[in-house]
């Protein structure tokens, strides 16, 4: 097939339909790939931040319970 016959085929109604269909297919595939990548990255980020799918922080057992150690009066007497 030479260039002229390919060009004639490309500018026919059927040729243009094929090109538009291929463009639409490529755009749909790109959109799906981007959406899949976005979902994967969001899952990784949520896992790293400890978030559950309903956007509430996930606490580990015992989290939030901190002990504050205050100096004893006996310790103060021994240092002066």
Protein backbone atom coordinates (compact mmCIF):
# COMPACT_ATOMS: atom_id res chain seq x y z
CA UNK A 1 0.00 0.00 0.00
CA UNK A 2 1.46 3.36 -0.88
CA UNK A 3 0.98 6.70 0.80
CA UNK A 4 -1.66 7.98 -1.56
CA UNK A 5 -3.96 5.00 -1.10
CA UNK A 6 -3.54 5.17 2.70
CA UNK A 7 -4.39 8.86 2.62
CA UNK A 8 -7.45 8.24 0.43
CA UNK A 9 -8.63 5.54 2.82
CA UNK A 10 -8.06 7.73 5.86
CA UNK A 11 -10.19 10.61 4.57
CA UNK A 12 -13.20 8.48 3.65
CA UNK A 13 -16.22 8.39 5.95
CA UNK A 14 -15.32 4.90 7.15
CA UNK A 15 -11.68 5.85 7.64
CA UNK A 16 -12.63 8.89 9.71
CA UNK A 17 -15.05 6.78 11.79
CA UNK A 18 -12.25 4.30 12.46
CA UNK A 19 -9.89 7.07 13.56
CA UNK A 20 -12.49 8.66 15.83
CA UNK A 21 -13.32 5.24 17.30
CA UNK A 22 -9.64 4.53 17.95
CA UNK A 23 -9.24 7.94 19.57
CA UNK A 24 -12.26 7.34 21.82
CA UNK A 25 -10.94 3.91 22.77
CA UNK A 26 -7.52 5.35 23.62
CA UNK A 27 -9.11 8.09 25.74
CA UNK A 28 -11.26 5.55 27.60
CA UNK A 29 -8.25 3.31 28.27
CA UNK A 30 -6.24 6.28 29.54
CA UNK A 31 -9.09 7.36 31.83
CA UNK A 32 -9.36 3.83 33.27
CA UNK A 33 -5.60 3.63 33.87
CA UNK A 34 -5.56 7.00 35.63
CA UNK A 35 -8.55 6.05 37.79
CA UNK A 36 -6.91 2.75 38.74
CA UNK A 37 -3.64 4.46 39.63
CA UNK A 38 -5.50 7.07 41.67
CA UNK A 39 -7.34 4.36 43.61
CA UNK A 40 -4.10 2.49 44.33
CA UNK A 41 -2.30 5.62 45.54
CA UNK A 42 -5.27 6.64 47.68
CA UNK A 43 -5.29 3.18 49.29
CA UNK A 44 -1.54 3.39 49.96
CA UNK A 45 -1.90 6.86 51.45
CA UNK A 46 -4.81 5.82 53.67
CA UNK A 47 -2.83 2.81 54.88
CA UNK A 48 0.18 5.00 55.63
CA UNK A 49 -1.95 7.52 57.55
CA UNK A 50 -3.99 4.87 59.34
CA UNK A 51 -7.34 5.96 57.91
CA UNK A 52 -10.27 3.66 57.37
CA UNK A 53 -12.36 3.80 54.18
CA UNK A 54 -15.04 5.91 55.91
CA UNK A 55 -12.43 8.66 56.50
CA UNK A 56 -12.23 8.28 60.28
CA UNK A 57 -8.88 7.87 61.97
CA UNK A 58 -8.15 4.36 63.07
CA UNK A 59 -6.70 4.20 66.56
CA UNK A 60 -4.48 1.44 67.80
CA UNK A 61 -5.44 -0.29 71.06
CA UNK A 62 -4.18 1.73 73.99
CA UNK A 63 -3.52 4.79 71.88
CA UNK A 64 -4.27 8.07 73.56
CA UNK A 65 -3.41 6.78 77.01
CA UNK A 66 -0.27 8.54 78.07
CA UNK A 67 1.23 8.52 81.49
CA UNK A 68 2.66 11.67 82.89
CA UNK A 69 5.27 11.01 85.49
CA UNK A 70 5.40 13.72 88.08
CA UNK A 71 8.43 14.08 90.33
CA UNK A 72 7.88 12.88 93.89
CA UNK A 73 8.34 15.25 96.80
CA UNK A 74 11.04 12.91 98.09
CA UNK A 75 13.07 13.42 94.93
CA UNK A 76 12.93 17.18 95.38
CA UNK A 77 14.29 16.97 98.92
CA UNK A 78 17.29 14.91 97.85
CA UNK A 79 18.41 17.34 95.14
CA UNK A 80 18.73 20.47 97.33
